[in-house]
Amino acid sequence: SPDDIVEETQHAICKIITHEIQTSANATVKRQLKGVCTAKQLEHKFKQFERKILQELDFIKTLLANERGVTVKTNDDYEYFSYDEKSGDTNRFDDGNIASVTETVTRERSWERTEISRFNGTIFTLKGEKVYTYYWQIPKIGPILHKNGIHMRSSDLYVLGHQLCIQLYPNHLNSNYLGIQLRPSSSFWKKHRFTILDQFDSSKDIRSQILGGVSSYESIYRIPYEKLKERKYLYNDTIIIKLTIYLNS
């Protein structure tokens, strides 16, 4: 295309002035230059170089996170956290009790679990495997649970280049069960798990089985309403659903 061609243009002007005549002549010579990049090509190359540098920086940040056990922000809008179980910490890093890694949660304090602000929307290493976690808080859940034939969806999540969301089915199939499902915009077959948080005691969380596919009926996790009415799962008329995706699966 014309944008991919580099040309050199030379102009020559000759003027002849005598007593009898005055005239001028113009000449233009164009030639194509081989092996020279156009401005458009240079811009494209610089953008490629910029993307590569950012990817390398993300990789370095991830390595630092794994070595130091700190949270590091990356250009993927994720955070990477690594915890070494061999460090001798008496608080074991367990998926069902993440709060023990951050700080002790006392039952006199606010219902908000410390893990939510620390791990929401992050990727971290759990027992040698990278996992992604997302927490969906739904206020005023009481009236919603009694509705029929509707569903709710979370904000969009972006994991490994896939757009996902969580869908909630109140009174699923008119059975007094709450249905929860992970829905992608494209094929996504990573194993995942849903957890309903007890808002004061992580040891009482309700955890689903490991789910696989996302397009079948079996991928919907169902919890009876009677179970949700126990303890602090609907505290302050709010439910908190935790999604864990196992990225190495």
C-alpha atoms as a PDB file:
ATOM      1  CA  SER A   1       0.000   0.000   0.000  1.00  0.00           C
ATOM      2  CA  PRO A   2       1.157   3.642  -0.382  1.00  0.00           C
ATOM      3  CA  ASP A   3       1.640   3.872   3.415  1.00  0.00           C
ATOM      4  CA  ASP A   4       4.249   1.107   3.245  1.00  0.00           C
ATOM      5  CA  ILE A   5       6.432   2.844   0.616  1.00  0.00           C
ATOM      6  CA  VAL A   6       9.208   5.267   1.549  1.00  0.00           C
ATOM      7  CA  GLU A   7      10.079   7.751  -1.185  1.00  0.00           C
ATOM      8  CA  GLU A   8      12.780  10.389  -1.525  1.00  0.00           C
ATOM      9  CA  THR A   9      11.844  13.444  -3.550  1.00  0.00           C
ATOM     10  CA  GLN A  10      14.446  15.866  -4.973  1.00  0.00           C
ATOM     11  CA  HIS A  11      13.571  19.207  -6.538  1.00  0.00           C
ATOM     12  CA  ALA A  12      15.872  21.198  -8.865  1.00  0.00           C
ATOM     13  CA  ILE A  13      15.235  24.727 -10.102  1.00  0.00           C
ATOM     14  CA  CYS A  14      17.340  26.346 -12.830  1.00  0.00           C
ATOM     15  CA  LYS A  15      17.010  30.038 -13.720  1.00  0.00           C
ATOM     16  CA  ILE A  16      18.553  31.640 -16.804  1.00  0.00           C
ATOM     17  CA  ILE A  17      18.625  35.435 -16.998  1.00  0.00           C
ATOM     18  CA  THR A  18      20.169  37.392 -19.903  1.00  0.00           C
ATOM     19  CA  HIS A  19      19.511  40.759 -21.509  1.00  0.00           C
ATOM     20  CA  GLU A  20      17.317  39.127 -24.095  1.00  0.00           C
ATOM     21  CA  ILE A  21      15.545  36.346 -22.107  1.00  0.00           C
ATOM     22  CA  GLN A  22      14.573  35.308 -18.626  1.00  0.00           C
ATOM     23  CA  THR A  23      13.374  31.760 -17.982  1.00  0.00           C
ATOM     24  CA  SER A  24      13.413  28.993 -15.387  1.00  0.00           C
ATOM     25  CA  ALA A  25      13.114  25.234 -15.391  1.00  0.00           C
ATOM     26  CA  ASN A  26      11.881  22.907 -12.632  1.00  0.00           C
ATOM     27  CA  ALA A  27      12.715  19.245 -12.296  1.00  0.00           C
ATOM     28  CA  THR A  28      11.376  16.717  -9.757  1.00  0.00           C
ATOM     29  CA  VAL A  29      12.916  13.305  -9.205  1.00  0.00           C
ATOM     30  CA  LYS A  30      11.312  10.630  -6.994  1.00  0.00           C
ATOM     31  CA  ARG A  31      12.839   7.340  -6.003  1.00  0.00           C
ATOM     32  CA  GLN A  32      11.737   4.578  -3.664  1.00  0.00           C
ATOM     33  CA  LEU A  33      13.991   3.779  -0.719  1.00  0.00           C
ATOM     34  CA  LYS A  34      14.392   0.124   0.197  1.00  0.00           C
ATOM     35  CA  GLY A  35      14.872  -1.067   3.775  1.00  0.00           C
ATOM     36  CA  VAL A  36      13.536   2.129   5.367  1.00  0.00           C
ATOM     37  CA  CYS A  37      10.495   2.096   7.699  1.00  0.00           C
ATOM     38  CA  THR A  38       7.596   4.461   7.243  1.00  0.00           C
ATOM     39  CA  ALA A  39       6.146   6.439  10.151  1.00  0.00           C
ATOM     40  CA  LYS A  40       3.224   3.997  10.290  1.00  0.00           C
ATOM     41  CA  GLN A  41       5.565   1.012  10.438  1.00  0.00           C
ATOM     42  CA  LEU A  42       7.675   2.640  13.153  1.00  0.00           C
ATOM     43  CA  GLU A  43       4.574   3.307  15.248  1.00  0.00           C
ATOM     44  CA  HIS A  44       3.519  -0.340  14.905  1.00  0.00           C
ATOM     45  CA  LYS A  45       6.982  -1.564  15.924  1.00  0.00           C
ATOM     46  CA  PHE A  46       7.086   0.720  18.955  1.00  0.00           C
ATOM     47  CA  LYS A  47       3.665  -0.534  20.104  1.00  0.00           C
ATOM     48  CA  GLN A  48       4.841  -4.134  19.785  1.00  0.00           C
ATOM     49  CA  PHE A  49       7.944  -3.277  21.797  1.00  0.00           C
ATOM     50  CA  GLU A  50       5.858  -1.546  24.467  1.00  0.00           C
ATOM     51  CA  ARG A  51       3.578  -4.591  24.852  1.00  0.00           C
ATOM     52  CA  LYS A  52       6.584  -6.885  25.174  1.00  0.00           C
ATOM     53  CA  ILE A  53       8.178  -4.682  27.849  1.00  0.00           C
ATOM     54  CA  LEU A  54       4.913  -4.611  29.843  1.00  0.00           C
ATOM     55  CA  GLN A  55       4.636  -8.401  29.642  1.00  0.00           C
ATOM     56  CA  GLU A  56       8.204  -8.763  30.896  1.00  0.00           C
ATOM     57  CA  LEU A  57       7.506  -6.351  33.763  1.00  0.00           C
ATOM     58  CA  ASP A  58       4.406  -8.352  34.731  1.00  0.00           C
ATOM     59  CA  PHE A  59       6.494 -11.522  34.741  1.00  0.00           C
ATOM     60  CA  ILE A  60       9.127  -9.893  36.961  1.00  0.00           C
ATOM     61  CA  LYS A  61       6.437  -8.604  39.328  1.00  0.00           C
ATOM     62  CA  THR A  62       4.943 -12.083  39.595  1.00  0.00           C
ATOM     63  CA  LEU A  63       8.347 -13.557  40.417  1.00  0.00           C
ATOM     64  CA  LEU A  64       8.861 -10.921  43.109  1.00  0.00           C
ATOM     65  CA  ALA A  65       5.431 -11.660  44.550  1.00  0.00           C
ATOM     66  CA  ASN A  66       6.178 -15.370  44.726  1.00  0.00           C
ATOM     67  CA  GLU A  67       9.511 -14.716  46.460  1.00  0.00           C
ATOM     68  CA  ARG A  68       8.417 -12.100  48.973  1.00  0.00           C
ATOM     69  CA  GLY A  69       4.817 -13.087  49.640  1.00  0.00           C
ATOM     70  CA  VAL A  70       3.449  -9.633  48.880  1.00  0.00           C
ATOM     71  CA  THR A  71       0.606  -8.338  46.768  1.00  0.00           C
ATOM     72  CA  VAL A  72       1.770  -6.790  43.481  1.00  0.00           C
ATOM     73  CA  LYS A  73      -0.392  -4.880  40.995  1.00  0.00           C
ATOM     74  CA  THR A  74       0.026  -5.886  37.356  1.00  0.00           C
ATOM     75  CA  ASN A  75      -1.077  -4.497  34.016  1.00  0.00           C
ATOM     76  CA  ASP A  76      -3.763  -7.214  33.722  1.00  0.00           C
ATOM     77  CA  ASP A  77      -5.779  -5.523  36.488  1.00  0.00           C
ATOM     78  CA  TYR A  78      -5.147  -8.588  38.620  1.00  0.00           C
ATOM     79  CA  GLU A  79      -3.071  -8.899  41.741  1.00  0.00           C
ATOM     80  CA  TYR A  80      -0.751 -11.799  42.415  1.00  0.00           C
ATOM     81  CA  PHE A  81      -0.233 -13.080  45.937  1.00  0.00           C
ATOM     82  CA  SER A  82       1.967 -15.962  47.026  1.00  0.00           C
ATOM     83  CA  TYR A  83       2.083 -17.578  50.430  1.00  0.00           C
ATOM     84  CA  ASP A  84       4.764 -20.071  51.387  1.00  0.00           C
ATOM     85  CA  GLU A  85       3.378 -22.847  53.576  1.00  0.00           C
ATOM     86  CA  LYS A  86       6.967 -23.842  54.485  1.00  0.00           C
ATOM     87  CA  SER A  87       7.675 -20.520  56.171  1.00  0.00           C
ATOM     88  CA  GLY A  88       6.740 -21.920  59.563  1.00  0.00           C
ATOM     89  CA  ASP A  89       3.648 -19.767  60.024  1.00  0.00           C
ATOM     90  CA  THR A  90       1.285 -21.506  62.421  1.00  0.00           C
ATOM     91  CA  ASN A  91      -1.709 -20.140  60.515  1.00  0.00           C
ATOM     92  CA  ARG A  92      -2.019 -22.569  57.629  1.00  0.00           C
ATOM     93  CA  PHE A  93      -3.162 -21.064  54.328  1.00  0.00           C
ATOM     94  CA  ASP A  94      -6.419 -22.867  53.647  1.00  0.00           C
ATOM     95  CA  ASP A  95      -9.050 -21.897  51.101  1.00  0.00           C
ATOM     96  CA  GLY A  96     -11.708 -22.150  53.767  1.00  0.00           C
ATOM     97  CA  ASN A  97      -9.895 -19.913  56.231  1.00  0.00           C
ATOM     98  CA  ILE A  98      -8.014 -17.238  54.301  1.00  0.00           C
ATOM     99  CA  ALA A  99      -8.680 -14.688  57.032  1.00  0.00           C
ATOM    100  CA  SER A 100      -6.081 -16.377  59.240  1.00  0.00           C
ATOM    101  CA  VAL A 101      -3.369 -15.254  56.807  1.00  0.00           C
ATOM    102  CA  THR A 102      -4.333 -11.597  56.918  1.00  0.00           C
ATOM    103  CA  GLU A 103      -5.401 -10.890  60.468  1.00  0.00           C
ATOM    104  CA  THR A 104      -7.591 -12.323  63.185  1.00  0.00           C
ATOM    105  CA  VAL A 105     -11.299 -11.670  62.741  1.00  0.00           C
ATOM    106  CA  THR A 106     -13.093 -11.033  66.003  1.00  0.00           C
ATOM    107  CA  ARG A 107     -16.821 -11.530  66.273  1.00  0.00           C
ATOM    108  CA  GLU A 108     -17.293  -8.160  67.983  1.00  0.00           C
ATOM    109  CA  ARG A 109     -16.063  -6.204  64.982  1.00  0.00           C
ATOM    110  CA  SER A 110     -17.851  -5.424  61.719  1.00  0.00           C
ATOM    111  CA  TRP A 111     -19.259  -8.358  59.756  1.00  0.00           C
ATOM    112  CA  GLU A 112     -16.928  -7.608  56.841  1.00  0.00           C
ATOM    113  CA  ARG A 113     -14.302 -10.327  56.524  1.00  0.00           C
ATOM    114  CA  THR A 114     -10.772  -9.015  56.013  1.00  0.00           C
ATOM    115  CA  GLU A 115     -10.127 -11.388  53.126  1.00  0.00           C
ATOM    116  CA  ILE A 116     -12.601  -9.548  50.889  1.00  0.00           C
ATOM    117  CA  SER A 117     -10.613  -6.328  50.644  1.00  0.00           C
ATOM    118  CA  ARG A 118      -7.328  -8.251  50.437  1.00  0.00           C
ATOM    119  CA  PHE A 119      -8.115 -10.935  47.858  1.00  0.00           C
ATOM    120  CA  ASN A 120     -11.057  -9.700  45.772  1.00  0.00           C
ATOM    121  CA  GLY A 121     -10.235  -9.856  42.051  1.00  0.00           C
ATOM    122  CA  THR A 122      -6.773 -11.314  42.628  1.00  0.00           C
ATOM    123  CA  ILE A 123      -4.691 -14.252  41.478  1.00  0.00           C
ATOM    124  CA  PHE A 124      -2.570 -15.928  44.143  1.00  0.00           C
ATOM    125  CA  THR A 125      -0.835 -19.222  44.793  1.00  0.00           C
ATOM    126  CA  LEU A 126      -2.739 -21.730  46.929  1.00  0.00           C
ATOM    127  CA  LYS A 127      -0.930 -24.968  47.752  1.00  0.00           C
ATOM    128  CA  GLY A 128       1.223 -24.652  44.653  1.00  0.00           C
ATOM    129  CA  GLU A 129      -1.669 -23.827  42.309  1.00  0.00           C
ATOM    130  CA  LYS A 130      -2.669 -20.419  40.963  1.00  0.00           C
ATOM    131  CA  VAL A 131      -6.271 -19.494  41.752  1.00  0.00           C
ATOM    132  CA  TYR A 132      -8.439 -16.480  40.979  1.00  0.00           C
ATOM    133  CA  THR A 133     -10.934 -15.252  43.581  1.00  0.00           C
ATOM    134  CA  TYR A 134     -13.867 -12.878  43.291  1.00  0.00           C
ATOM    135  CA  TYR A 135     -16.370 -11.814  45.958  1.00  0.00           C
ATOM    136  CA  TRP A 136     -19.895 -10.766  45.005  1.00  0.00           C
ATOM    137  CA  GLN A 137     -21.838  -8.927  47.724  1.00  0.00           C
ATOM    138  CA  ILE A 138     -25.583  -8.646  47.122  1.00  0.00           C
ATOM    139  CA  PRO A 139     -27.473  -6.318  49.502  1.00  0.00           C
ATOM    140  CA  LYS A 140     -31.236  -6.439  50.145  1.00  0.00           C
ATOM    141  CA  ILE A 141     -31.276 -10.113  49.216  1.00  0.00           C
ATOM    142  CA  GLY A 142     -34.394 -10.996  51.259  1.00  0.00           C
ATOM    143  CA  PRO A 143     -37.084  -9.837  48.800  1.00  0.00           C
ATOM    144  CA  ILE A 144     -35.084 -11.217  45.863  1.00  0.00           C
ATOM    145  CA  LEU A 145     -35.082 -14.763  47.246  1.00  0.00           C
ATOM    146  CA  HIS A 146     -38.871 -14.967  46.937  1.00  0.00           C
ATOM    147  CA  LYS A 147     -39.052 -13.982  43.271  1.00  0.00           C
ATOM    148  CA  ASN A 148     -39.654 -16.549  40.519  1.00  0.00           C
ATOM    149  CA  GLY A 149     -38.400 -16.805  36.948  1.00  0.00           C
ATOM    150  CA  ILE A 150     -35.648 -14.199  37.216  1.00  0.00           C
ATOM    151  CA  HIS A 151     -31.887 -14.185  37.468  1.00  0.00           C
ATOM    152  CA  MET A 152     -29.255 -11.679  38.553  1.00  0.00           C
ATOM    153  CA  ARG A 153     -25.760 -11.259  37.178  1.00  0.00           C
ATOM    154  CA  SER A 154     -22.585  -9.902  38.704  1.00  0.00           C
ATOM    155  CA  SER A 155     -20.264  -7.379  37.125  1.00  0.00           C
ATOM    156  CA  ASP A 156     -18.127  -8.738  34.289  1.00  0.00           C
ATOM    157  CA  LEU A 157     -14.919 -10.537  35.258  1.00  0.00           C
ATOM    158  CA  TYR A 158     -11.930 -10.951  32.960  1.00  0.00           C
ATOM    159  CA  VAL A 159      -9.836 -14.062  33.586  1.00  0.00           C
ATOM    160  CA  LEU A 160      -7.133 -15.293  31.188  1.00  0.00           C
ATOM    161  CA  GLY A 161      -8.669 -13.214  28.417  1.00  0.00           C
ATOM    162  CA  HIS A 162     -12.196 -14.584  28.975  1.00  0.00           C
ATOM    163  CA  GLN A 163     -15.191 -12.460  29.950  1.00  0.00           C
ATOM    164  CA  LEU A 164     -17.177 -14.120  32.745  1.00  0.00           C
ATOM    165  CA  CYS A 165     -19.983 -13.332  35.144  1.00  0.00           C
ATOM    166  CA  ILE A 166     -21.798 -15.047  38.010  1.00  0.00           C
ATOM    167  CA  GLN A 167     -25.530 -15.611  37.606  1.00  0.00           C
ATOM    168  CA  LEU A 168     -27.876 -16.006  40.551  1.00  0.00           C
ATOM    169  CA  TYR A 169     -31.207 -17.853  40.236  1.00  0.00           C
ATOM    170  CA  PRO A 170     -33.573 -17.083  43.152  1.00  0.00           C
ATOM    171  CA  ASN A 171     -36.040 -19.866  43.977  1.00  0.00           C
ATOM    172  CA  HIS A 172     -34.460 -22.027  41.278  1.00  0.00           C
ATOM    173  CA  LEU A 173     -37.084 -24.210  39.562  1.00  0.00           C
ATOM    174  CA  ASN A 174     -39.602 -23.101  42.224  1.00  0.00           C
ATOM    175  CA  SER A 175     -37.880 -25.378  44.718  1.00  0.00           C
ATOM    176  CA  ASN A 176     -36.846 -22.987  47.523  1.00  0.00           C
ATOM    177  CA  TYR A 177     -33.245 -23.374  46.430  1.00  0.00           C
ATOM    178  CA  LEU A 178     -30.799 -20.670  45.419  1.00  0.00           C
ATOM    179  CA  GLY A 179     -28.930 -21.457  42.186  1.00  0.00           C
ATOM    180  CA  ILE A 180     -25.488 -20.057  41.334  1.00  0.00           C
ATOM    181  CA  GLN A 181     -23.679 -20.493  38.025  1.00  0.00           C
ATOM    182  CA  LEU A 182     -20.533 -19.201  36.305  1.00  0.00           C
ATOM    183  CA  ARG A 183     -21.330 -17.970  32.796  1.00  0.00           C
ATOM    184  CA  PRO A 184     -18.678 -17.096  30.182  1.00  0.00           C
ATOM    185  CA  SER A 185     -18.963 -15.281  26.865  1.00  0.00           C
ATOM    186  CA  SER A 186     -16.809 -17.995  25.253  1.00  0.00           C
ATOM    187  CA  SER A 187     -15.544 -21.507  25.975  1.00  0.00           C
ATOM    188  CA  PHE A 188     -14.083 -21.641  29.468  1.00  0.00           C
ATOM    189  CA  TRP A 189     -13.523 -25.006  31.121  1.00  0.00           C
ATOM    190  CA  LYS A 190     -11.560 -24.179  34.250  1.00  0.00           C
ATOM    191  CA  LYS A 191     -12.571 -25.910  37.453  1.00  0.00           C
ATOM    192  CA  HIS A 192     -14.177 -23.612  39.986  1.00  0.00           C
ATOM    193  CA  ARG A 193     -16.000 -23.526  43.307  1.00  0.00           C
ATOM    194  CA  PHE A 194     -18.617 -21.300  44.955  1.00  0.00           C
ATOM    195  CA  THR A 195     -18.571 -20.441  48.647  1.00  0.00           C
ATOM    196  CA  ILE A 196     -21.324 -18.743  50.667  1.00  0.00           C
ATOM    197  CA  LEU A 197     -19.586 -16.801  53.414  1.00  0.00           C
ATOM    198  CA  ASP A 198     -20.604 -16.881  57.034  1.00  0.00           C
ATOM    199  CA  GLN A 199     -19.994 -13.211  57.670  1.00  0.00           C
ATOM    200  CA  PHE A 200     -18.423 -13.799  61.097  1.00  0.00           C
ATOM    201  CA  ASP A 201     -16.842 -17.244  61.075  1.00  0.00           C
ATOM    202  CA  SER A 202     -14.991 -18.579  58.030  1.00  0.00           C
ATOM    203  CA  SER A 203     -15.001 -22.122  59.420  1.00  0.00           C
ATOM    204  CA  LYS A 204     -18.785 -22.211  58.860  1.00  0.00           C
ATOM    205  CA  ASP A 205     -18.714 -21.194  55.187  1.00  0.00           C
ATOM    206  CA  ILE A 206     -20.854 -23.248  52.791  1.00  0.00           C
ATOM    207  CA  ARG A 207     -18.643 -24.604  50.009  1.00  0.00           C
ATOM    208  CA  SER A 208     -19.793 -26.207  46.775  1.00  0.00           C
ATOM    209  CA  GLN A 209     -18.224 -29.211  45.141  1.00  0.00           C
ATOM    210  CA  ILE A 210     -15.604 -28.572  42.449  1.00  0.00           C
ATOM    211  CA  LEU A 211     -17.514 -27.639  39.291  1.00  0.00           C
ATOM    212  CA  GLY A 212     -16.215 -28.234  35.786  1.00  0.00           C
ATOM    213  CA  GLY A 213     -18.163 -27.232  32.670  1.00  0.00           C
ATOM    214  CA  VAL A 214     -20.153 -24.036  32.575  1.00  0.00           C
ATOM    215  CA  SER A 215     -22.921 -24.815  30.105  1.00  0.00           C
ATOM    216  CA  SER A 216     -24.686 -27.792  31.694  1.00  0.00           C
ATOM    217  CA  TYR A 217     -27.282 -28.111  34.427  1.00  0.00           C
ATOM    218  CA  GLU A 218     -24.672 -29.783  36.635  1.00  0.00           C
ATOM    219  CA  SER A 219     -22.676 -26.544  36.677  1.00  0.00           C
ATOM    220  CA  ILE A 220     -25.408 -24.835  38.734  1.00  0.00           C
ATOM    221  CA  TYR A 221     -24.728 -25.005  42.453  1.00  0.00           C
ATOM    222  CA  ARG A 222     -27.953 -25.133  44.488  1.00  0.00           C
ATOM    223  CA  ILE A 223     -28.338 -24.305  48.191  1.00  0.00           C
ATOM    224  CA  PRO A 224     -31.594 -24.804  50.134  1.00  0.00           C
ATOM    225  CA  TYR A 225     -33.080 -21.698  51.691  1.00  0.00           C
ATOM    226  CA  GLU A 226     -33.307 -23.459  55.042  1.00  0.00           C
ATOM    227  CA  LYS A 227     -29.523 -23.753  55.084  1.00  0.00           C
ATOM    228  CA  LEU A 228     -29.071 -20.072  54.257  1.00  0.00           C
ATOM    229  CA  LYS A 229     -31.264 -19.066  57.208  1.00  0.00           C
ATOM    230  CA  GLU A 230     -28.808 -20.656  59.610  1.00  0.00           C
ATOM    231  CA  ARG A 231     -26.039 -18.626  61.250  1.00  0.00           C
ATOM    232  CA  LYS A 232     -24.863 -15.419  59.478  1.00  0.00           C
ATOM    233  CA  TYR A 233     -25.117 -16.225  55.771  1.00  0.00           C
ATOM    234  CA  LEU A 234     -27.754 -13.512  55.223  1.00  0.00           C
ATOM    235  CA  TYR A 235     -26.533 -11.115  57.876  1.00  0.00           C
ATOM    236  CA  ASN A 236     -27.774  -7.541  57.476  1.00  0.00           C
ATOM    237  CA  ASP A 237     -29.896  -8.750  54.531  1.00  0.00           C
ATOM    238  CA  THR A 238     -26.706  -9.282  52.499  1.00  0.00           C
ATOM    239  CA  ILE A 239     -25.270 -12.422  50.931  1.00  0.00           C
ATOM    240  CA  ILE A 240     -21.603 -12.751  49.940  1.00  0.00           C
ATOM    241  CA  ILE A 241     -20.694 -15.274  47.251  1.00  0.00           C
ATOM    242  CA  LYS A 242     -17.063 -16.166  46.715  1.00  0.00           C
ATOM    243  CA  LEU A 243     -15.901 -17.577  43.376  1.00  0.00           C
ATOM    244  CA  THR A 244     -12.641 -19.540  43.233  1.00  0.00           C
ATOM    245  CA  ILE A 245     -11.255 -20.503  39.796  1.00  0.00           C
ATOM    246  CA  TYR A 246      -8.409 -23.024  39.601  1.00  0.00           C
ATOM    247  CA  LEU A 247      -6.282 -21.659  36.765  1.00  0.00           C
ATOM    248  CA  ASN A 248      -4.043 -24.716  36.392  1.00  0.00           C
ATOM    249  CA  SER A 249      -6.985 -27.053  35.752  1.00  0.00           C
END
